[in-house]
Amino acid sequence: LMSHTLALGRSMRPNYLWGFYLFPNCYN
């Protein structure tokens, strides 16, 4: 689900920088 959603965003709007909030986490 996550990788396909990112792939869709990259293909549709490649000029935007796509990623998930809170990733990566360090839990420090």
mmCIF file of all heavy atoms, coordinates in Angstrom:
data_MODEL
# 
_entry.id   MODEL 
# 
loop_
_atom_site.group_PDB 
_atom_site.id 
_atom_site.type_symbol 
_atom_site.label_atom_id 
_atom_site.label_alt_id 
_atom_site.label_comp_id 
_atom_site.label_asym_id 
_atom_site.label_entity_id 
_atom_site.label_seq_id 
_atom_site.pdbx_PDB_ins_code 
_atom_site.Cartn_x 
_atom_site.Cartn_y 
_atom_site.Cartn_z 
_atom_site.occupancy 
_atom_site.B_iso_or_equiv 
_atom_site.pdbx_formal_charge 
_atom_site.auth_seq_id 
_atom_site.auth_comp_id 
_atom_site.auth_asym_id 
_atom_site.auth_atom_id 
_atom_site.pdbx_PDB_model_num 
ATOM 1   N N   . LEU A 1 1  ? 0.825  -1.207 0.000   1.00 0.00 ? 1  LEU A N   1 
ATOM 2   C CA  . LEU A 1 1  ? 0.000  0.000  0.000   1.00 0.00 ? 1  LEU A CA  1 
ATOM 3   C C   . LEU A 1 1  ? 0.859  1.258  0.000   1.00 0.00 ? 1  LEU A C   1 
ATOM 4   O O   . LEU A 1 1  ? 0.614  2.196  -0.778  1.00 0.00 ? 1  LEU A O   1 
ATOM 5   C CB  . LEU A 1 1  ? -0.919 -0.009 1.222   1.00 0.00 ? 1  LEU A CB  1 
ATOM 6   C CG  . LEU A 1 1  ? -1.822 1.210  1.379   1.00 0.00 ? 1  LEU A CG  1 
ATOM 7   C CD1 . LEU A 1 1  ? -2.777 1.332  0.209   1.00 0.00 ? 1  LEU A CD1 1 
ATOM 8   C CD2 . LEU A 1 1  ? -2.596 1.130  2.702   1.00 0.00 ? 1  LEU A CD2 1 
ATOM 9   N N   . MET A 1 2  ? 1.867  1.308  0.846   1.00 0.00 ? 2  MET A N   1 
ATOM 10  C CA  . MET A 1 2  ? 2.691  2.506  0.955   1.00 0.00 ? 2  MET A CA  1 
ATOM 11  C C   . MET A 1 2  ? 3.541  2.724  -0.285  1.00 0.00 ? 2  MET A C   1 
ATOM 12  O O   . MET A 1 2  ? 3.632  3.834  -0.815  1.00 0.00 ? 2  MET A O   1 
ATOM 13  C CB  . MET A 1 2  ? 3.569  2.424  2.207   1.00 0.00 ? 2  MET A CB  1 
ATOM 14  C CG  . MET A 1 2  ? 2.779  2.454  3.508   1.00 0.00 ? 2  MET A CG  1 
ATOM 15  S SD  . MET A 1 2  ? 3.802  2.213  5.000   1.00 0.00 ? 2  MET A SD  1 
ATOM 16  C CE  . MET A 1 2  ? 4.703  3.774  5.042   1.00 0.00 ? 2  MET A CE  1 
ATOM 17  N N   . SER A 1 3  ? 4.180  1.674  -0.776  1.00 0.00 ? 3  SER A N   1 
ATOM 18  C CA  . SER A 1 3  ? 5.066  1.827  -1.938  1.00 0.00 ? 3  SER A CA  1 
ATOM 19  C C   . SER A 1 3  ? 4.280  2.138  -3.206  1.00 0.00 ? 3  SER A C   1 
ATOM 20  O O   . SER A 1 3  ? 4.728  2.952  -4.033  1.00 0.00 ? 3  SER A O   1 
ATOM 21  C CB  . SER A 1 3  ? 5.918  0.573  -2.128  1.00 0.00 ? 3  SER A CB  1 
ATOM 22  O OG  . SER A 1 3  ? 5.112  -0.568 -2.333  1.00 0.00 ? 3  SER A OG  1 
ATOM 23  N N   . HIS A 1 4  ? 3.105  1.515  -3.380  1.00 0.00 ? 4  HIS A N   1 
ATOM 24  C CA  . HIS A 1 4  ? 2.293  1.819  -4.566  1.00 0.00 ? 4  HIS A CA  1 
ATOM 25  C C   . HIS A 1 4  ? 1.757  3.250  -4.517  1.00 0.00 ? 4  HIS A C   1 
ATOM 26  O O   . HIS A 1 4  ? 1.671  3.919  -5.551  1.00 0.00 ? 4  HIS A O   1 
ATOM 27  C CB  . HIS A 1 4  ? 1.121  0.830  -4.671  1.00 0.00 ? 4  HIS A CB  1 
ATOM 28  C CG  . HIS A 1 4  ? 1.488  -0.462 -5.331  1.00 0.00 ? 4  HIS A CG  1 
ATOM 29  N ND1 . HIS A 1 4  ? 2.040  -1.526 -4.646  1.00 0.00 ? 4  HIS A ND1 1 
ATOM 30  C CD2 . HIS A 1 4  ? 1.392  -0.869 -6.634  1.00 0.00 ? 4  HIS A CD2 1 
ATOM 31  C CE1 . HIS A 1 4  ? 2.258  -2.531 -5.481  1.00 0.00 ? 4  HIS A CE1 1 
ATOM 32  N NE2 . HIS A 1 4  ? 1.888  -2.151 -6.687  1.00 0.00 ? 4  HIS A NE2 1 
ATOM 33  N N   . THR A 1 5  ? 1.419  3.726  -3.329  1.00 0.00 ? 5  THR A N   1 
ATOM 34  C CA  . THR A 1 5  ? 0.942  5.105  -3.198  1.00 0.00 ? 5  THR A CA  1 
ATOM 35  C C   . THR A 1 5  ? 2.053  6.095  -3.523  1.00 0.00 ? 5  THR A C   1 
ATOM 36  O O   . THR A 1 5  ? 1.830  7.092  -4.224  1.00 0.00 ? 5  THR A O   1 
ATOM 37  C CB  . THR A 1 5  ? 0.394  5.349  -1.786  1.00 0.00 ? 5  THR A CB  1 
ATOM 38  O OG1 . THR A 1 5  ? -0.645 4.395  -1.497  1.00 0.00 ? 5  THR A OG1 1 
ATOM 39  C CG2 . THR A 1 5  ? -0.167 6.755  -1.663  1.00 0.00 ? 5  THR A CG2 1 
ATOM 40  N N   . LEU A 1 6  ? 3.253  5.822  -3.022  1.00 0.00 ? 6  LEU A N   1 
ATOM 41  C CA  . LEU A 1 6  ? 4.391  6.683  -3.356  1.00 0.00 ? 6  LEU A CA  1 
ATOM 42  C C   . LEU A 1 6  ? 4.685  6.648  -4.847  1.00 0.00 ? 6  LEU A C   1 
ATOM 43  O O   . LEU A 1 6  ? 4.974  7.686  -5.467  1.00 0.00 ? 6  LEU A O   1 
ATOM 44  C CB  . LEU A 1 6  ? 5.626  6.247  -2.570  1.00 0.00 ? 6  LEU A CB  1 
ATOM 45  C CG  . LEU A 1 6  ? 5.714  6.670  -1.105  1.00 0.00 ? 6  LEU A CG  1 
ATOM 46  C CD1 . LEU A 1 6  ? 6.909  6.005  -0.443  1.00 0.00 ? 6  LEU A CD1 1 
ATOM 47  C CD2 . LEU A 1 6  ? 5.809  8.187  -0.969  1.00 0.00 ? 6  LEU A CD2 1 
ATOM 48  N N   . ALA A 1 7  ? 4.641  5.471  -5.441  1.00 0.00 ? 7  ALA A N   1 
ATOM 49  C CA  . ALA A 1 7  ? 4.916  5.346  -6.880  1.00 0.00 ? 7  ALA A CA  1 
ATOM 50  C C   . ALA A 1 7  ? 3.911  6.140  -7.698  1.00 0.00 ? 7  ALA A C   1 
ATOM 51  O O   . ALA A 1 7  ? 4.268  6.778  -8.700  1.00 0.00 ? 7  ALA A O   1 
ATOM 52  C CB  . ALA A 1 7  ? 4.897  3.876  -7.285  1.00 0.00 ? 7  ALA A CB  1 
ATOM 53  N N   . LEU A 1 8  ? 2.652  6.107  -7.267  1.00 0.00 ? 8  LEU A N   1 
ATOM 54  C CA  . LEU A 1 8  ? 1.631  6.889  -7.969  1.00 0.00 ? 8  LEU A CA  1 
ATOM 55  C C   . LEU A 1 8  ? 1.946  8.378  -7.881  1.00 0.00 ? 8  LEU A C   1 
ATOM 56  O O   . LEU A 1 8  ? 1.893  9.098  -8.892  1.00 0.00 ? 8  LEU A O   1 
ATOM 57  C CB  . LEU A 1 8  ? 0.258  6.616  -7.358  1.00 0.00 ? 8  LEU A CB  1 
ATOM 58  C CG  . LEU A 1 8  ? -0.885 7.459  -7.937  1.00 0.00 ? 8  LEU A CG  1 
ATOM 59  C CD1 . LEU A 1 8  ? -1.240 6.984  -9.336  1.00 0.00 ? 8  LEU A CD1 1 
ATOM 60  C CD2 . LEU A 1 8  ? -2.108 7.409  -7.025  1.00 0.00 ? 8  LEU A CD2 1 
ATOM 61  N N   . GLY A 1 9  ? 2.275  8.857  -6.682  1.00 0.00 ? 9  GLY A N   1 
ATOM 62  C CA  . GLY A 1 9  ? 2.593  10.268 -6.517  1.00 0.00 ? 9  GLY A CA  1 
ATOM 63  C C   . GLY A 1 9  ? 3.792  10.685 -7.352  1.00 0.00 ? 9  GLY A C   1 
ATOM 64  O O   . GLY A 1 9  ? 3.767  11.732 -8.004  1.00 0.00 ? 9  GLY A O   1 
ATOM 65  N N   . ARG A 1 10 ? 4.837  9.865  -7.342  1.00 0.00 ? 10 ARG A N   1 
ATOM 66  C CA  . ARG A 1 10 ? 6.039  10.192 -8.124  1.00 0.00 ? 10 ARG A CA  1 
ATOM 67  C C   . ARG A 1 10 ? 5.731  10.254 -9.612  1.00 0.00 ? 10 ARG A C   1 
ATOM 68  O O   . ARG A 1 10 ? 6.241  11.121 -10.323 1.00 0.00 ? 10 ARG A O   1 
ATOM 69  C CB  . ARG A 1 10 ? 7.136  9.150  -7.873  1.00 0.00 ? 10 ARG A CB  1 
ATOM 70  C CG  . ARG A 1 10 ? 7.697  9.109  -6.480  1.00 0.00 ? 10 ARG A CG  1 
ATOM 71  C CD  . ARG A 1 10 ? 9.028  8.345  -6.449  1.00 0.00 ? 10 ARG A CD  1 
ATOM 72  N NE  . ARG A 1 10 ? 8.963  7.114  -7.214  1.00 0.00 ? 10 ARG A NE  1 
ATOM 73  C CZ  . ARG A 1 10 ? 8.624  5.925  -6.739  1.00 0.00 ? 10 ARG A CZ  1 
ATOM 74  N NH1 . ARG A 1 10 ? 8.279  5.822  -5.454  1.00 0.00 ? 10 ARG A NH1 1 
ATOM 75  N NH2 . ARG A 1 10 ? 8.617  4.849  -7.498  1.00 0.00 ? 10 ARG A NH2 1 
ATOM 76  N N   . SER A 1 11 ? 4.911  9.319  -10.099 1.00 0.00 ? 11 SER A N   1 
ATOM 77  C CA  . SER A 1 11 ? 4.618  9.284  -11.534 1.00 0.00 ? 11 SER A CA  1 
ATOM 78  C C   . SER A 1 11 ? 3.707  10.429 -11.958 1.00 0.00 ? 11 SER A C   1 
ATOM 79  O O   . SER A 1 11 ? 3.866  10.988 -13.047 1.00 0.00 ? 11 SER A O   1 
ATOM 80  C CB  . SER A 1 11 ? 3.982  7.941  -11.907 1.00 0.00 ? 11 SER A CB  1 
ATOM 81  O OG  . SER A 1 11 ? 2.712  7.783  -11.278 1.00 0.00 ? 11 SER A OG  1 
ATOM 82  N N   . MET A 1 12 ? 2.756  10.794 -11.089 1.00 0.00 ? 12 MET A N   1 
ATOM 83  C CA  . MET A 1 12 ? 1.815  11.855 -11.448 1.00 0.00 ? 12 MET A CA  1 
ATOM 84  C C   . MET A 1 12 ? 2.414  13.247 -11.268 1.00 0.00 ? 12 MET A C   1 
ATOM 85  O O   . MET A 1 12 ? 2.191  14.133 -12.094 1.00 0.00 ? 12 MET A O   1 
ATOM 86  C CB  . MET A 1 12 ? 0.554  11.731 -10.594 1.00 0.00 ? 12 MET A CB  1 
ATOM 87  C CG  . MET A 1 12 ? -0.308 10.519 -10.895 1.00 0.00 ? 12 MET A CG  1 
ATOM 88  S SD  . MET A 1 12 ? -1.844 10.527 -9.928  1.00 0.00 ? 12 MET A SD  1 
ATOM 89  C CE  . MET A 1 12 ? -2.677 11.974 -10.615 1.00 0.00 ? 12 MET A CE  1 
ATOM 90  N N   . ARG A 1 13 ? 3.163  13.440 -10.183 1.00 0.00 ? 13 ARG A N   1 
ATOM 91  C CA  . ARG A 1 13 ? 3.746  14.763 -9.891  1.00 0.00 ? 13 ARG A CA  1 
ATOM 92  C C   . ARG A 1 13 ? 5.225  14.577 -9.531  1.00 0.00 ? 13 ARG A C   1 
ATOM 93  O O   . ARG A 1 13 ? 5.630  14.698 -8.369  1.00 0.00 ? 13 ARG A O   1 
ATOM 94  C CB  . ARG A 1 13 ? 2.987  15.436 -8.748  1.00 0.00 ? 13 ARG A CB  1 
ATOM 95  C CG  . ARG A 1 13 ? 1.504  15.667 -9.034  1.00 0.00 ? 13 ARG A CG  1 
ATOM 96  C CD  . ARG A 1 13 ? 1.285  16.645 -10.178 1.00 0.00 ? 13 ARG A CD  1 
ATOM 97  N NE  . ARG A 1 13 ? -0.144 16.908 -10.367 1.00 0.00 ? 13 ARG A NE  1 
ATOM 98  C CZ  . ARG A 1 13 ? -0.914 16.258 -11.239 1.00 0.00 ? 13 ARG A CZ  1 
ATOM 99  N NH1 . ARG A 1 13 ? -0.400 15.278 -11.989 1.00 0.00 ? 13 ARG A NH1 1 
ATOM 100 N NH2 . ARG A 1 13 ? -2.195 16.565 -11.365 1.00 0.00 ? 13 ARG A NH2 1 
ATOM 101 N N   . PRO A 1 14 ? 6.055  14.299 -10.530 1.00 0.00 ? 14 PRO A N   1 
ATOM 102 C CA  . PRO A 1 14 ? 7.477  14.028 -10.263 1.00 0.00 ? 14 PRO A CA  1 
ATOM 103 C C   . PRO A 1 14 ? 8.243  15.232 -9.738  1.00 0.00 ? 14 PRO A C   1 
ATOM 104 O O   . PRO A 1 14 ? 9.328  15.070 -9.186  1.00 0.00 ? 14 PRO A O   1 
ATOM 105 C CB  . PRO A 1 14 ? 8.001  13.581 -11.627 1.00 0.00 ? 14 PRO A CB  1 
ATOM 106 C CG  . PRO A 1 14 ? 7.065  14.193 -12.625 1.00 0.00 ? 14 PRO A CG  1 
ATOM 107 C CD  . PRO A 1 14 ? 5.723  14.188 -11.958 1.00 0.00 ? 14 PRO A CD  1 
ATOM 108 N N   . ASN A 1 15 ? 7.694  16.425 -9.896  1.00 0.00 ? 15 ASN A N   1 
ATOM 109 C CA  . ASN A 1 15 ? 8.393  17.615 -9.408  1.00 0.00 ? 15 ASN A CA  1 
ATOM 110 C C   . ASN A 1 15 ? 8.164  17.866 -7.921  1.00 0.00 ? 15 ASN A C   1 
ATOM 111 O O   . ASN A 1 15 ? 8.788  18.765 -7.346  1.00 0.00 ? 15 ASN A O   1 
ATOM 112 C CB  . ASN A 1 15 ? 7.956  18.843 -10.203 1.00 0.00 ? 15 ASN A CB  1 
ATOM 113 C CG  . ASN A 1 15 ? 8.468  18.804 -11.627 1.00 0.00 ? 15 ASN A CG  1 
ATOM 114 O OD1 . ASN A 1 15 ? 9.506  18.226 -11.898 1.00 0.00 ? 15 ASN A OD1 1 
ATOM 115 N ND2 . ASN A 1 15 ? 7.739  19.400 -12.548 1.00 0.00 ? 15 ASN A ND2 1 
ATOM 116 N N   . TYR A 1 16 ? 7.290  17.099 -7.324  1.00 0.00 ? 16 TYR A N   1 
ATOM 117 C CA  . TYR A 1 16 ? 7.106  17.181 -5.872  1.00 0.00 ? 16 TYR A CA  1 
ATOM 118 C C   . TYR A 1 16 ? 7.972  16.117 -5.205  1.00 0.00 ? 16 TYR A C   1 
ATOM 119 O O   . TYR A 1 16 ? 8.231  15.062 -5.780  1.00 0.00 ? 16 TYR A O   1 
ATOM 120 C CB  . TYR A 1 16 ? 5.640  16.968 -5.506  1.00 0.00 ? 16 TYR A CB  1 
ATOM 121 C CG  . TYR A 1 16 ? 4.839  18.255 -5.466  1.00 0.00 ? 16 TYR A CG  1 
ATOM 122 C CD1 . TYR A 1 16 ? 4.554  18.944 -6.637  1.00 0.00 ? 16 TYR A CD1 1 
ATOM 123 C CD2 . TYR A 1 16 ? 4.393  18.793 -4.263  1.00 0.00 ? 16 TYR A CD2 1 
ATOM 124 C CE1 . TYR A 1 16 ? 3.836  20.134 -6.620  1.00 0.00 ? 16 TYR A CE1 1 
ATOM 125 C CE2 . TYR A 1 16 ? 3.672  19.975 -4.231  1.00 0.00 ? 16 TYR A CE2 1 
ATOM 126 C CZ  . TYR A 1 16 ? 3.400  20.645 -5.406  1.00 0.00 ? 16 TYR A CZ  1 
ATOM 127 O OH  . TYR A 1 16 ? 2.702  21.823 -5.371  1.00 0.00 ? 16 TYR A OH  1 
ATOM 128 N N   . LEU A 1 17 ? 8.405  16.404 -3.989  1.00 0.00 ? 17 LEU A N   1 
ATOM 129 C CA  . LEU A 1 17 ? 9.227  15.472 -3.220  1.00 0.00 ? 17 LEU A CA  1 
ATOM 130 C C   . LEU A 1 17 ? 8.318  14.673 -2.292  1.00 0.00 ? 17 LEU A C   1 
ATOM 131 O O   . LEU A 1 17 ? 7.754  15.216 -1.340  1.00 0.00 ? 17 LEU A O   1 
ATOM 132 C CB  . LEU A 1 17 ? 10.284 16.238 -2.419  1.00 0.00 ? 17 LEU A CB  1 
ATOM 133 C CG  . LEU A 1 17 ? 11.314 17.003 -3.258  1.00 0.00 ? 17 LEU A CG  1 
ATOM 134 C CD1 . LEU A 1 17 ? 12.247 17.803 -2.361  1.00 0.00 ? 17 LEU A CD1 1 
ATOM 135 C CD2 . LEU A 1 17 ? 12.106 16.058 -4.133  1.00 0.00 ? 17 LEU A CD2 1 
ATOM 136 N N   . TRP A 1 18 ? 8.189  13.378 -2.572  1.00 0.00 ? 18 TRP A N   1 
ATOM 137 C CA  . TRP A 1 18 ? 7.228  12.523 -1.888  1.00 0.00 ? 18 TRP A CA  1 
ATOM 138 C C   . TRP A 1 18 ? 7.881  11.724 -0.759  1.00 0.00 ? 18 TRP A C   1 
ATOM 139 O O   . TRP A 1 18 ? 8.943  11.131 -0.922  1.00 0.00 ? 18 TRP A O   1 
ATOM 140 C CB  . TRP A 1 18 ? 6.597  11.553 -2.888  1.00 0.00 ? 18 TRP A CB  1 
ATOM 141 C CG  . TRP A 1 18 ? 5.672  12.220 -3.857  1.00 0.00 ? 18 TRP A CG  1 
ATOM 142 C CD1 . TRP A 1 18 ? 6.013  12.831 -5.033  1.00 0.00 ? 18 TRP A CD1 1 
ATOM 143 C CD2 . TRP A 1 18 ? 4.258  12.364 -3.723  1.00 0.00 ? 18 TRP A CD2 1 
ATOM 144 N NE1 . TRP A 1 18 ? 4.899  13.346 -5.637  1.00 0.00 ? 18 TRP A NE1 1 
ATOM 145 C CE2 . TRP A 1 18 ? 3.803  13.075 -4.864  1.00 0.00 ? 18 TRP A CE2 1 
ATOM 146 C CE3 . TRP A 1 18 ? 3.328  11.957 -2.768  1.00 0.00 ? 18 TRP A CE3 1 
ATOM 147 C CZ2 . TRP A 1 18 ? 2.453  13.381 -5.057  1.00 0.00 ? 18 TRP A CZ2 1 
ATOM 148 C CZ3 . TRP A 1 18 ? 1.989  12.268 -2.959  1.00 0.00 ? 18 TRP A CZ3 1 
ATOM 149 C CH2 . TRP A 1 18 ? 1.567  12.971 -4.096  1.00 0.00 ? 18 TRP A CH2 1 
ATOM 150 N N   . GLY A 1 19 ? 7.190  11.705 0.379   1.00 0.00 ? 19 GLY A N   1 
ATOM 151 C CA  . GLY A 1 19 ? 7.662  10.913 1.508   1.00 0.00 ? 19 GLY A CA  1 
ATOM 152 C C   . GLY A 1 19 ? 6.617  10.860 2.601   1.00 0.00 ? 19 GLY A C   1 
ATOM 153 O O   . GLY A 1 19 ? 5.592  11.557 2.547   1.00 0.00 ? 19 GLY A O   1 
ATOM 154 N N   . PHE A 1 20 ? 6.862  10.034 3.612   1.00 0.00 ? 20 PHE A N   1 
ATOM 155 C CA  . PHE A 1 20 ? 5.954  9.876  4.745   1.00 0.00 ? 20 PHE A CA  1 
ATOM 156 C C   . PHE A 1 20 ? 6.469  10.650 5.950   1.00 0.00 ? 20 PHE A C   1 
ATOM 157 O O   . PHE A 1 20 ? 7.648  10.540 6.313   1.00 0.00 ? 20 PHE A O   1 
ATOM 158 C CB  . PHE A 1 20 ? 5.807  8.391  5.112   1.00 0.00 ? 20 PHE A CB  1 
ATOM 159 C CG  . PHE A 1 20 ? 4.851  7.637  4.226   1.00 0.00 ? 20 PHE A CG  1 
ATOM 160 C CD1 . PHE A 1 20 ? 5.297  7.040  3.060   1.00 0.00 ? 20 PHE A CD1 1 
ATOM 161 C CD2 . PHE A 1 20 ? 3.513  7.531  4.570   1.00 0.00 ? 20 PHE A CD2 1 
ATOM 162 C CE1 . PHE A 1 20 ? 4.423  6.341  2.243   1.00 0.00 ? 20 PHE A CE1 1 
ATOM 163 C CE2 . PHE A 1 20 ? 2.627  6.835  3.758   1.00 0.00 ? 20 PHE A CE2 1 
ATOM 164 C CZ  . PHE A 1 20 ? 3.077  6.232  2.584   1.00 0.00 ? 20 PHE A CZ  1 
ATOM 165 N N   . TYR A 1 21 ? 5.572  11.405 6.563   1.00 0.00 ? 21 TYR A N   1 
ATOM 166 C CA  . TYR A 1 21 ? 5.898  12.087 7.816   1.00 0.00 ? 21 TYR A CA  1 
ATOM 167 C C   . TYR A 1 21 ? 6.244  11.057 8.892   1.00 0.00 ? 21 TYR A C   1 
ATOM 168 O O   . TYR A 1 21 ? 5.648  9.987  8.981   1.00 0.00 ? 21 TYR A O   1 
ATOM 169 C CB  . TYR A 1 21 ? 4.709  12.942 8.266   1.00 0.00 ? 21 TYR A CB  1 
ATOM 170 C CG  . TYR A 1 21 ? 4.814  13.442 9.680   1.00 0.00 ? 21 TYR A CG  1 
ATOM 171 C CD1 . TYR A 1 21 ? 5.795  14.349 10.035  1.00 0.00 ? 21 TYR A CD1 1 
ATOM 172 C CD2 . TYR A 1 21 ? 3.932  12.999 10.666  1.00 0.00 ? 21 TYR A CD2 1 
ATOM 173 C CE1 . TYR A 1 21 ? 5.909  14.810 11.337  1.00 0.00 ? 21 TYR A CE1 1 
ATOM 174 C CE2 . TYR A 1 21 ? 4.021  13.451 11.970  1.00 0.00 ? 21 TYR A CE2 1 
ATOM 175 C CZ  . TYR A 1 21 ? 5.015  14.358 12.298  1.00 0.00 ? 21 TYR A CZ  1 
ATOM 176 O OH  . TYR A 1 21 ? 5.123  14.805 13.593  1.00 0.00 ? 21 TYR A OH  1 
ATOM 177 N N   . LEU A 1 22 ? 7.251  11.375 9.701   1.00 0.00 ? 22 LEU A N   1 
ATOM 178 C CA  . LEU A 1 22 ? 7.741  10.560 10.815  1.00 0.00 ? 22 LEU A CA  1 
ATOM 179 C C   . LEU A 1 22 ? 8.682  9.436  10.387  1.00 0.00 ? 22 LEU A C   1 
ATOM 180 O O   . LEU A 1 22 ? 9.110  8.645  11.228  1.00 0.00 ? 22 LEU A O   1 
ATOM 181 C CB  . LEU A 1 22 ? 6.593  9.943  11.634  1.00 0.00 ? 22 LEU A CB  1 
ATOM 182 C CG  . LEU A 1 22 ? 5.949  10.841 12.679  1.00 0.00 ? 22 LEU A CG  1 
ATOM 183 C CD1 . LEU A 1 22 ? 4.803  10.102 13.379  1.00 0.00 ? 22 LEU A CD1 1 
ATOM 184 C CD2 . LEU A 1 22 ? 6.958  11.306 13.713  1.00 0.00 ? 22 LEU A CD2 1 
ATOM 185 N N   . PHE A 1 23 ? 9.023  9.391  9.110   1.00 0.00 ? 23 PHE A N   1 
ATOM 186 C CA  . PHE A 1 23 ? 9.935  8.339  8.642   1.00 0.00 ? 23 PHE A CA  1 
ATOM 187 C C   . PHE A 1 23 ? 11.230 8.960  8.134   1.00 0.00 ? 23 PHE A C   1 
ATOM 188 O O   . PHE A 1 23 ? 11.183 9.846  7.278   1.00 0.00 ? 23 PHE A O   1 
ATOM 189 C CB  . PHE A 1 23 ? 9.272  7.510  7.537   1.00 0.00 ? 23 PHE A CB  1 
ATOM 190 C CG  . PHE A 1 23 ? 8.203  6.590  8.039   1.00 0.00 ? 23 PHE A CG  1 
ATOM 191 C CD1 . PHE A 1 23 ? 6.898  7.022  8.157   1.00 0.00 ? 23 PHE A CD1 1 
ATOM 192 C CD2 . PHE A 1 23 ? 8.512  5.300  8.415   1.00 0.00 ? 23 PHE A CD2 1 
ATOM 193 C CE1 . PHE A 1 23 ? 5.904  6.179  8.634   1.00 0.00 ? 23 PHE A CE1 1 
ATOM 194 C CE2 . PHE A 1 23 ? 7.526  4.442  8.888   1.00 0.00 ? 23 PHE A CE2 1 
ATOM 195 C CZ  . PHE A 1 23 ? 6.217  4.884  9.000   1.00 0.00 ? 23 PHE A CZ  1 
ATOM 196 N N   . PRO A 1 24 ? 12.382 8.494  8.619   1.00 0.00 ? 24 PRO A N   1 
ATOM 197 C CA  . PRO A 1 24 ? 12.512 7.460  9.649   1.00 0.00 ? 24 PRO A CA  1 
ATOM 198 C C   . PRO A 1 24 ? 12.360 8.037  11.055  1.00 0.00 ? 24 PRO A C   1 
ATOM 199 O O   . PRO A 1 24 ? 12.461 9.235  11.254  1.00 0.00 ? 24 PRO A O   1 
ATOM 200 C CB  . PRO A 1 24 ? 13.935 6.954  9.435   1.00 0.00 ? 24 PRO A CB  1 
ATOM 201 C CG  . PRO A 1 24 ? 14.674 8.182  9.006   1.00 0.00 ? 24 PRO A CG  1 
ATOM 202 C CD  . PRO A 1 24 ? 13.698 8.944  8.136   1.00 0.00 ? 24 PRO A CD  1 
ATOM 203 N N   . ASN A 1 25 ? 12.148 7.124  12.000  1.00 0.00 ? 25 ASN A N   1 
ATOM 204 C CA  . ASN A 1 25 ? 12.111 7.515  13.399  1.00 0.00 ? 25 ASN A CA  1 
ATOM 205 C C   . ASN A 1 25 ? 13.300 6.883  14.115  1.00 0.00 ? 25 ASN A C   1 
ATOM 206 O O   . ASN A 1 25 ? 13.821 5.853  13.684  1.00 0.00 ? 25 ASN A O   1 
ATOM 207 C CB  . ASN A 1 25 ? 10.810 7.073  14.062  1.00 0.00 ? 25 ASN A CB  1 
ATOM 208 C CG  . ASN A 1 25 ? 10.465 7.940  15.269  1.00 0.00 ? 25 ASN A CG  1 
ATOM 209 O OD1 . ASN A 1 25 ? 11.336 8.531  15.896  1.00 0.00 ? 25 ASN A OD1 1 
ATOM 210 N ND2 . ASN A 1 25 ? 9.183  8.021  15.586  1.00 0.00 ? 25 ASN A ND2 1 
ATOM 211 N N   . CYS A 1 26 ? 13.710 7.523  15.176  1.00 0.00 ? 26 CYS A N   1 
ATOM 212 C CA  . CYS A 1 26 ? 14.869 7.061  15.946  1.00 0.00 ? 26 CYS A CA  1 
ATOM 213 C C   . CYS A 1 26 ? 14.442 6.507  17.301  1.00 0.00 ? 26 CYS A C   1 
ATOM 214 O O   . CYS A 1 26 ? 15.167 5.722  17.903  1.00 0.00 ? 26 CYS A O   1 
ATOM 215 C CB  . CYS A 1 26 ? 15.827 8.241  16.133  1.00 0.00 ? 26 CYS A CB  1 
ATOM 216 S SG  . CYS A 1 26 ? 17.314 7.932  17.073  1.00 0.00 ? 26 CYS A SG  1 
ATOM 217 N N   . TYR A 1 27 ? 13.245 6.921  17.755  1.00 0.00 ? 27 TYR A N   1 
ATOM 218 C CA  . TYR A 1 27 ? 12.724 6.481  19.054  1.00 0.00 ? 27 TYR A CA  1 
ATOM 219 C C   . TYR A 1 27 ? 13.741 6.717  20.180  1.00 0.00 ? 27 TYR A C   1 
ATOM 220 O O   . TYR A 1 27 ? 13.884 5.906  21.084  1.00 0.00 ? 27 TYR A O   1 
ATOM 221 C CB  . TYR A 1 27 ? 12.315 5.008  19.002  1.00 0.00 ? 27 TYR A CB  1 
ATOM 222 C CG  . TYR A 1 27 ? 11.273 4.727  17.947  1.00 0.00 ? 27 TYR A CG  1 
ATOM 223 C CD1 . TYR A 1 27 ? 11.629 4.136  16.741  1.00 0.00 ? 27 TYR A CD1 1 
ATOM 224 C CD2 . TYR A 1 27 ? 9.939  5.079  18.141  1.00 0.00 ? 27 TYR A CD2 1 
ATOM 225 C CE1 . TYR A 1 27 ? 10.662 3.896  15.752  1.00 0.00 ? 27 TYR A CE1 1 
ATOM 226 C CE2 . TYR A 1 27 ? 8.977  4.843  17.167  1.00 0.00 ? 27 TYR A CE2 1 
ATOM 227 C CZ  . TYR A 1 27 ? 9.345  4.247  15.976  1.00 0.00 ? 27 TYR A CZ  1 
ATOM 228 O OH  . TYR A 1 27 ? 8.395  4.020  15.001  1.00 0.00 ? 27 TYR A OH  1 
ATOM 229 N N   . ASN A 1 28 ? 14.441 7.848  20.088  1.00 0.00 ? 28 ASN A N   1 
ATOM 230 C CA  . ASN A 1 28 ? 15.475 8.143  21.086  1.00 0.00 ? 28 ASN A CA  1 
ATOM 231 C C   . ASN A 1 28 ? 14.907 8.961  22.241  1.00 0.00 ? 28 ASN A C   1 
ATOM 232 O O   . ASN A 1 28 ? 15.312 10.090 22.497  1.00 0.00 ? 28 ASN A O   1 
ATOM 233 C CB  . ASN A 1 28 ? 16.671 8.856  20.438  1.00 0.00 ? 28 ASN A CB  1 
ATOM 234 C CG  . ASN A 1 28 ? 16.257 10.118 19.689  1.00 0.00 ? 28 ASN A CG  1 
ATOM 235 O OD1 . ASN A 1 28 ? 15.083 10.363 19.431  1.00 0.00 ? 28 ASN A OD1 1 
ATOM 236 N ND2 . ASN A 1 28 ? 17.240 10.928 19.320  1.00 0.00 ? 28 ASN A ND2 1 
# 
